[in-house]
N, C-alpha and C. Protein backbone atom coordinates (compact mmCIF):
# COMPACT_ATOMS: atom_id res chain seq x y z
N MET A 1 10.44 1.90 26.69
CA MET A 1 9.18 1.43 26.78
C MET A 1 8.96 0.59 27.81
N LYS A 2 7.66 0.33 28.22
CA LYS A 2 7.69 -0.87 29.56
C LYS A 2 6.72 -1.85 28.77
N ALA A 3 7.06 -3.17 28.86
CA ALA A 3 6.32 -4.62 27.95
C ALA A 3 4.91 -4.04 28.32
N ILE A 4 4.43 -3.61 29.71
CA ILE A 4 3.30 -3.37 30.16
C ILE A 4 1.95 -2.73 29.28
N GLU A 5 2.82 -1.33 28.43
CA GLU A 5 1.85 -0.47 27.72
C GLU A 5 1.94 -1.26 26.38
N LEU A 6 2.03 -2.38 25.95
CA LEU A 6 2.10 -2.93 24.47
C LEU A 6 1.37 -3.84 24.49
N GLN A 7 0.65 -4.35 23.23
CA GLN A 7 0.05 -5.28 23.28
C GLN A 7 0.03 -6.29 22.12
N ILE A 8 -0.26 -7.62 21.59
CA ILE A 8 0.42 -8.34 20.84
C ILE A 8 -0.17 -7.74 19.81
N GLY A 9 1.08 -7.42 18.56
CA GLY A 9 0.03 -6.85 17.50
C GLY A 9 0.57 -5.32 17.02
N ASP A 10 1.14 -4.90 18.13
CA ASP A 10 1.48 -3.50 17.90
C ASP A 10 2.68 -3.24 17.40
N TYR A 11 2.80 -2.36 16.73
CA TYR A 11 4.34 -1.82 16.09
C TYR A 11 5.21 -0.79 17.03
N VAL A 12 6.13 -1.13 17.03
CA VAL A 12 7.34 -0.09 17.70
C VAL A 12 8.60 -0.20 16.81
N ASN A 13 9.62 0.57 17.25
CA ASN A 13 10.69 0.71 16.42
C ASN A 13 11.92 -0.11 17.36
N TYR A 14 12.55 -0.47 16.87
CA TYR A 14 13.92 -1.43 17.60
C TYR A 14 14.85 -1.08 16.90
N ARG A 15 16.00 -0.22 17.18
CA ARG A 15 17.07 0.26 16.43
C ARG A 15 16.91 0.43 14.86
N GLY A 16 15.61 1.34 14.62
CA GLY A 16 15.78 1.57 13.33
C GLY A 16 14.62 1.11 12.08
N GLN A 17 14.38 -0.49 13.16
CA GLN A 17 13.42 -1.16 12.41
C GLN A 17 12.03 -1.59 12.81
N ILE A 18 11.00 -1.28 12.39
CA ILE A 18 9.91 -1.32 12.25
C ILE A 18 9.34 -2.89 12.46
N ILE A 19 8.92 -3.02 13.87
CA ILE A 19 8.52 -4.63 14.23
C ILE A 19 7.20 -4.81 14.78
N LYS A 20 6.51 -6.09 14.53
CA LYS A 20 4.77 -6.38 14.66
C LYS A 20 5.63 -6.89 15.92
N VAL A 21 5.13 -6.77 17.29
CA VAL A 21 5.18 -7.57 18.74
C VAL A 21 4.24 -8.91 18.67
N THR A 22 4.91 -9.62 18.73
CA THR A 22 4.19 -10.98 19.06
C THR A 22 4.03 -11.95 19.93
N SER A 23 5.38 -11.41 21.06
CA SER A 23 5.02 -12.00 22.10
C SER A 23 5.51 -10.53 23.82
N LEU A 24 5.22 -10.95 24.94
CA LEU A 24 5.60 -10.12 25.53
C LEU A 24 5.94 -10.88 27.22
N TYR A 25 6.90 -9.90 27.51
CA TYR A 25 7.12 -10.77 29.56
C TYR A 25 7.27 -9.72 30.15
N ASN A 26 6.48 -9.67 31.17
CA ASN A 26 6.68 -8.55 31.96
C ASN A 26 6.11 -9.48 33.38
N LYS A 27 7.41 -10.25 33.79
CA LYS A 27 7.15 -10.59 35.42
C LYS A 27 8.51 -11.10 35.62
N GLY A 28 8.32 -10.78 37.24
CA GLY A 28 9.45 -11.29 38.35
C GLY A 28 10.79 -10.22 37.57
N GLY A 29 10.06 -8.75 37.57
CA GLY A 29 11.41 -7.56 37.04
C GLY A 29 11.81 -7.81 35.33
N SER A 30 11.29 -9.01 34.90
CA SER A 30 11.63 -8.82 33.32
C SER A 30 11.09 -8.06 32.69
N ASN A 31 11.11 -7.64 31.11
CA ASN A 31 10.29 -6.63 30.64
C ASN A 31 10.86 -6.70 29.33
N GLU A 32 10.21 -7.55 28.65
CA GLU A 32 10.60 -8.17 27.53
C GLU A 32 9.47 -7.91 26.15
N VAL A 33 9.94 -7.67 24.85
CA VAL A 33 9.25 -8.19 23.83
C VAL A 33 9.59 -8.82 22.82
N GLY A 34 8.90 -9.56 22.59
CA GLY A 34 9.28 -10.69 21.09
C GLY A 34 8.87 -10.29 20.18
N TRP A 35 9.41 -10.55 18.57
CA TRP A 35 9.03 -10.61 17.44
C TRP A 35 9.13 -11.71 16.75
N SER A 36 8.73 -12.10 15.77
CA SER A 36 9.08 -13.67 14.98
C SER A 36 9.74 -12.87 13.77
N ASP A 37 11.37 -13.41 13.39
CA ASP A 37 11.63 -13.41 11.81
C ASP A 37 12.25 -14.64 11.82
N LYS A 38 11.93 -15.26 11.49
CA LYS A 38 11.93 -16.94 11.23
C LYS A 38 12.12 -17.58 12.59
N GLU A 39 12.15 -17.25 13.36
CA GLU A 39 12.56 -17.30 14.84
C GLU A 39 11.95 -16.45 15.87
N CYS A 40 11.98 -16.70 16.83
CA CYS A 40 11.32 -15.60 17.96
C CYS A 40 12.53 -14.77 18.39
N VAL A 41 12.71 -13.28 18.44
CA VAL A 41 13.60 -12.86 18.68
C VAL A 41 13.23 -11.84 20.08
N TRP A 42 14.12 -11.70 21.28
CA TRP A 42 13.78 -10.80 22.50
C TRP A 42 14.34 -9.70 22.58
N VAL A 43 14.40 -9.23 22.91
CA VAL A 43 14.75 -7.59 23.21
C VAL A 43 14.23 -7.04 24.79
N ASN A 44 14.89 -6.34 25.78
CA ASN A 44 14.75 -5.70 26.76
C ASN A 44 13.38 -4.55 25.98
N ALA A 45 12.25 -4.18 26.82
CA ALA A 45 11.45 -3.11 25.95
C ALA A 45 11.98 -1.86 26.24
N ASP A 46 13.04 -1.71 27.07
CA ASP A 46 13.73 -0.43 27.19
C ASP A 46 14.73 0.03 25.76
N ASN A 47 14.19 -1.03 25.17
CA ASN A 47 15.39 -0.73 23.89
C ASN A 47 14.29 -0.41 22.56
N VAL A 48 13.06 -0.65 22.71
CA VAL A 48 12.19 -0.22 21.76
C VAL A 48 11.35 1.23 22.18
N GLU A 49 11.38 1.70 20.58
CA GLU A 49 10.59 2.95 20.87
C GLU A 49 9.19 2.96 20.38
N PRO A 50 8.61 3.86 20.85
CA PRO A 50 7.21 4.26 20.42
C PRO A 50 7.29 4.98 18.81
N ILE A 51 6.20 4.79 17.85
CA ILE A 51 6.25 5.07 16.43
C ILE A 51 5.49 6.10 16.72
N PRO A 52 5.89 7.78 16.74
CA PRO A 52 4.96 8.81 16.81
C PRO A 52 3.86 8.77 15.60
N LEU A 53 2.56 9.28 15.72
CA LEU A 53 1.39 9.32 14.99
C LEU A 53 1.44 10.22 14.15
N THR A 54 1.55 10.53 12.73
CA THR A 54 1.45 11.77 11.77
C THR A 54 0.50 11.60 11.24
N THR A 55 0.04 12.91 10.15
CA THR A 55 -0.87 12.83 9.50
C THR A 55 -0.86 11.66 8.50
N GLU A 56 0.57 11.45 7.98
CA GLU A 56 0.93 10.44 6.84
C GLU A 56 0.33 9.17 7.19
N ILE A 57 0.44 8.60 8.32
CA ILE A 57 0.02 7.46 8.57
C ILE A 57 -1.51 7.20 9.03
N LEU A 58 -2.34 8.30 9.51
CA LEU A 58 -3.78 8.61 9.33
C LEU A 58 -3.97 8.21 8.19
N GLU A 59 -3.57 9.20 7.01
CA GLU A 59 -4.48 8.89 5.96
C GLU A 59 -4.53 7.80 5.60
N LYS A 60 -3.02 7.24 5.50
CA LYS A 60 -2.60 5.47 4.87
C LYS A 60 -3.90 4.68 4.98
N ASN A 61 -4.68 4.89 6.45
CA ASN A 61 -5.14 4.23 6.83
C ASN A 61 -6.85 4.69 6.88
N GLY A 62 -6.93 5.59 5.78
CA GLY A 62 -8.68 5.45 5.95
C GLY A 62 -9.11 6.93 6.60
N PHE A 63 -8.21 7.71 7.08
CA PHE A 63 -8.85 8.60 7.65
C PHE A 63 -8.70 9.77 7.04
N VAL A 64 -9.48 10.87 6.87
CA VAL A 64 -9.86 11.95 5.94
C VAL A 64 -10.06 13.59 6.50
N ALA A 65 -8.97 14.32 6.15
CA ALA A 65 -8.88 15.61 6.75
C ALA A 65 -10.20 16.10 6.87
N ASN A 66 -10.50 16.75 8.13
CA ASN A 66 -11.93 17.36 8.03
C ASN A 66 -11.56 19.16 8.39
N LYS A 67 -11.75 19.80 7.40
CA LYS A 67 -10.87 21.17 8.17
C LYS A 67 -12.26 22.37 8.31
N HIS A 68 -13.33 21.66 8.59
CA HIS A 68 -14.03 22.49 9.34
C HIS A 68 -14.80 22.30 10.43
N VAL A 69 -14.03 21.54 11.24
CA VAL A 69 -14.06 21.01 12.60
C VAL A 69 -13.54 21.77 13.38
N TYR A 70 -12.15 22.26 13.70
CA TYR A 70 -11.36 22.82 14.74
C TYR A 70 -10.34 23.69 13.93
N PRO A 71 -9.62 24.59 14.49
CA PRO A 71 -9.04 25.64 14.45
C PRO A 71 -7.51 24.56 14.42
N TYR A 72 -6.98 23.17 14.14
CA TYR A 72 -5.99 22.38 13.69
C TYR A 72 -6.38 21.50 13.05
N PRO A 73 -5.09 21.08 12.64
CA PRO A 73 -5.50 19.64 11.84
C PRO A 73 -6.51 18.69 12.42
N PHE A 74 -7.42 17.97 11.83
CA PHE A 74 -8.51 17.56 12.29
C PHE A 74 -8.63 16.10 11.22
N TYR A 75 -8.63 14.60 11.42
CA TYR A 75 -8.96 13.89 11.08
C TYR A 75 -9.82 12.80 11.41
N GLU A 76 -10.77 12.59 10.70
CA GLU A 76 -12.11 11.53 11.08
C GLU A 76 -12.10 10.01 9.95
N TYR A 77 -11.91 9.06 11.04
CA TYR A 77 -12.64 7.68 10.49
C TYR A 77 -14.00 7.78 10.53
N ILE A 78 -14.76 7.50 9.23
CA ILE A 78 -16.34 6.98 9.38
C ILE A 78 -16.46 5.30 9.21
N ASN A 79 -17.39 4.71 9.85
CA ASN A 79 -17.82 3.34 9.48
C ASN A 79 -19.25 3.31 9.52
N GLU A 80 -19.92 4.13 8.56
CA GLU A 80 -21.57 3.65 8.91
C GLU A 80 -22.19 2.85 8.70
N GLU A 81 -21.43 1.66 8.62
CA GLU A 81 -22.13 0.40 8.74
C GLU A 81 -22.24 0.15 10.13
N ASP A 82 -21.33 -0.16 10.93
CA ASP A 82 -21.21 -0.09 12.30
C ASP A 82 -21.37 1.19 13.14
N LYS A 83 -22.01 2.46 12.53
CA LYS A 83 -22.27 3.49 13.06
C LYS A 83 -21.11 3.93 13.80
N LEU A 84 -19.86 4.02 13.64
CA LEU A 84 -18.67 4.52 14.04
C LEU A 84 -17.83 5.85 13.56
N LYS A 85 -17.59 6.31 14.32
CA LYS A 85 -16.50 8.00 14.17
C LYS A 85 -15.56 7.71 14.85
N ILE A 86 -14.01 8.01 14.52
CA ILE A 86 -13.14 8.16 15.12
C ILE A 86 -12.37 8.99 14.84
N GLY A 87 -12.00 10.23 15.43
CA GLY A 87 -11.80 11.63 15.03
C GLY A 87 -10.30 11.61 15.85
N PHE A 88 -9.38 12.67 14.99
CA PHE A 88 -7.73 12.71 15.62
C PHE A 88 -7.80 14.32 15.33
N ALA A 89 -7.13 15.03 16.50
CA ALA A 89 -6.60 16.29 16.41
C ALA A 89 -5.27 16.19 17.05
N PHE A 90 -4.49 17.38 16.01
CA PHE A 90 -3.62 17.65 16.28
C PHE A 90 -3.53 19.14 17.01
N PRO A 91 -3.74 19.46 18.12
CA PRO A 91 -3.61 20.81 18.41
C PRO A 91 -2.52 21.35 18.22
N GLN A 92 -2.59 22.78 17.93
CA GLN A 92 -1.64 23.82 17.70
C GLN A 92 -1.69 24.98 18.45
N GLY A 93 -0.64 25.48 18.40
CA GLY A 93 -0.97 27.22 18.97
C GLY A 93 -1.98 26.92 20.37
N ASN A 94 -2.05 28.29 20.55
CA ASN A 94 -2.78 28.98 21.49
C ASN A 94 -4.11 29.01 21.50
N LYS A 95 -4.89 28.00 20.59
CA LYS A 95 -6.27 28.18 20.52
C LYS A 95 -6.99 27.02 21.46
N THR A 96 -6.38 26.26 21.74
CA THR A 96 -6.68 25.11 22.87
C THR A 96 -5.83 24.98 24.05
N SER A 97 -6.52 24.44 24.94
CA SER A 97 -5.82 24.32 26.06
C SER A 97 -5.14 22.67 25.88
N TYR A 98 -5.72 21.91 25.07
CA TYR A 98 -5.00 20.67 24.72
C TYR A 98 -3.98 20.48 24.35
N LYS A 99 -2.46 20.20 24.22
CA LYS A 99 -1.38 20.19 23.96
C LYS A 99 -0.92 18.88 23.37
N GLU A 100 -1.44 17.90 23.36
CA GLU A 100 -0.93 16.67 22.78
C GLU A 100 -1.69 16.25 22.22
N PRO A 101 -1.77 15.38 20.74
CA PRO A 101 -3.03 14.96 20.25
C PRO A 101 -3.74 14.18 21.01
N TRP A 102 -5.10 14.18 20.60
CA TRP A 102 -5.63 13.27 21.25
C TRP A 102 -7.27 12.83 20.28
N VAL A 103 -7.69 11.89 20.74
CA VAL A 103 -8.66 10.93 20.09
C VAL A 103 -10.04 11.04 20.26
N TYR A 104 -11.31 11.01 19.56
CA TYR A 104 -12.31 10.86 20.50
C TYR A 104 -13.49 9.60 19.50
N ILE A 105 -14.03 8.71 19.93
CA ILE A 105 -14.87 7.86 19.51
C ILE A 105 -16.04 7.76 19.72
N ASP A 106 -17.30 7.81 19.16
CA ASP A 106 -18.63 8.36 18.63
C ASP A 106 -18.66 7.03 18.23
N SER A 107 -19.72 6.15 19.04
CA SER A 107 -20.90 5.19 18.41
C SER A 107 -21.88 5.26 18.84
N GLU A 108 -22.63 4.09 18.67
CA GLU A 108 -23.96 4.21 19.07
C GLU A 108 -24.28 4.09 20.19
N ASN A 109 -23.02 3.31 21.25
CA ASN A 109 -23.38 3.32 22.73
C ASN A 109 -22.22 3.85 23.53
N VAL A 110 -21.37 4.97 22.64
CA VAL A 110 -20.14 5.10 23.63
C VAL A 110 -20.07 6.29 22.72
N PHE A 111 -19.11 7.13 23.89
CA PHE A 111 -18.87 8.47 23.34
C PHE A 111 -17.79 8.76 24.37
N VAL A 112 -16.50 9.11 23.67
CA VAL A 112 -14.91 9.24 24.30
C VAL A 112 -13.96 10.19 23.93
N GLU A 113 -14.03 11.18 24.78
CA GLU A 113 -13.52 12.34 24.13
C GLU A 113 -12.20 13.09 24.62
N HIS A 114 -11.38 13.89 23.80
CA HIS A 114 -9.93 14.20 24.73
C HIS A 114 -9.18 12.99 25.18
N LEU A 115 -8.74 11.54 24.68
CA LEU A 115 -8.24 10.73 24.66
C LEU A 115 -7.23 11.14 24.27
N PRO A 116 -5.77 11.21 25.22
CA PRO A 116 -4.67 11.18 24.35
C PRO A 116 -3.76 10.34 23.87
N CYS A 117 -3.53 10.34 23.04
CA CYS A 117 -2.86 9.16 21.35
C CYS A 117 -1.68 10.06 20.67
N VAL A 118 -0.59 9.69 20.99
CA VAL A 118 0.73 10.37 20.32
C VAL A 118 1.59 9.12 19.39
N PHE A 119 1.05 7.87 19.83
CA PHE A 119 1.83 6.92 19.29
C PHE A 119 1.09 5.77 18.56
N VAL A 120 1.88 5.23 17.33
CA VAL A 120 1.15 4.23 16.53
C VAL A 120 0.27 3.25 17.08
N HIS A 121 0.97 2.69 18.40
CA HIS A 121 0.64 1.58 19.18
C HIS A 121 -0.69 1.74 20.04
N GLN A 122 -0.95 3.23 20.28
CA GLN A 122 -2.00 3.45 21.22
C GLN A 122 -2.84 3.63 19.97
N LEU A 123 -2.98 3.96 18.90
CA LEU A 123 -4.26 4.41 18.00
C LEU A 123 -4.37 2.29 17.63
N GLN A 124 -3.34 1.70 17.59
CA GLN A 124 -3.70 0.55 17.51
C GLN A 124 -4.75 -0.09 18.46
N GLN A 125 -4.31 0.18 19.43
CA GLN A 125 -5.30 -0.11 20.76
C GLN A 125 -6.64 0.11 20.73
N ILE A 126 -6.94 1.81 20.33
CA ILE A 126 -8.23 2.10 20.45
C ILE A 126 -9.09 1.14 19.10
N ILE A 127 -8.12 1.26 17.86
CA ILE A 127 -8.79 0.55 17.09
C ILE A 127 -9.28 -0.56 17.36
N ARG A 128 -8.59 -1.77 18.18
CA ARG A 128 -8.97 -2.90 18.30
C ARG A 128 -10.11 -2.81 19.66
N LEU A 129 -9.94 -2.27 20.51
CA LEU A 129 -11.28 -1.97 21.19
C LEU A 129 -12.19 -1.20 20.39
N CYS A 130 -12.53 -0.89 19.25
CA CYS A 130 -13.75 -0.58 18.52
C CYS A 130 -13.86 -1.62 17.92
N ARG A 131 -13.53 -2.70 18.01
CA ARG A 131 -13.59 -3.92 16.95
C ARG A 131 -13.31 -3.58 15.27
N ILE A 132 -12.33 -2.49 14.70
CA ILE A 132 -12.14 -2.32 13.68
C ILE A 132 -11.10 -3.74 13.20
N LYS A 133 -11.27 -4.48 12.20
CA LYS A 133 -10.38 -5.36 12.12
C LYS A 133 -9.32 -4.98 11.47
N ASN A 134 -9.04 -3.72 10.30
CA ASN A 134 -8.26 -3.21 9.57
C ASN A 134 -6.99 -2.91 10.44
N GLU A 135 -5.89 -3.49 9.48
CA GLU A 135 -4.26 -3.99 10.06
C GLU A 135 -3.95 -2.13 9.78
N ILE A 136 -2.94 -1.61 10.61
CA ILE A 136 -2.50 -0.67 10.08
C ILE A 136 -1.50 -0.73 9.27
N ILE A 137 -1.22 0.44 8.40
CA ILE A 137 -0.39 0.85 7.39
C ILE A 137 0.33 1.58 8.02
N LEU A 138 1.88 1.20 7.40
CA LEU A 138 2.91 2.43 8.02
C LEU A 138 3.63 2.83 6.84
C-alpha cells in the first residue's frame, strides 16, 4: 500500500495484526504508516495490507441486507435523522457489468453511485465524508 491511500483512523493489517493508523509520512520518497502501542511504531506502508470488506463487517456496523434491490447481495445503512442512505453491493455472476463491490450514497444534496469500495479503509473514508461519527467494528 501507499501511505497516500490512507487517512488517520483507518484500519489496516500489519503481519496479521489489525492496526489503527495514527500517523502517516509520505515525503521525500518515504512511505510510512504509524500507530500507537504505548509508543508510536513506524513501518513502511508497503508492509501493510488493506482489510477486505465483507458482509459480516457491514452487518456488525449497522448495514442491513436488502434482498429486494439487486440480483446480488446488497446492504444498506439508513440514517433517517440525517436523511442519509448508504448502499453497498457485492456484484456476482454475469447479471451485471460491475465486477467489484461498490457503494452508493444518497443524501438530501448528494447522490453518488457505483463508487468502487473493496476495503475497510475505503468504507471508513466514505463514512467520514458523510459525517457519520460511528467507529468501524471489525
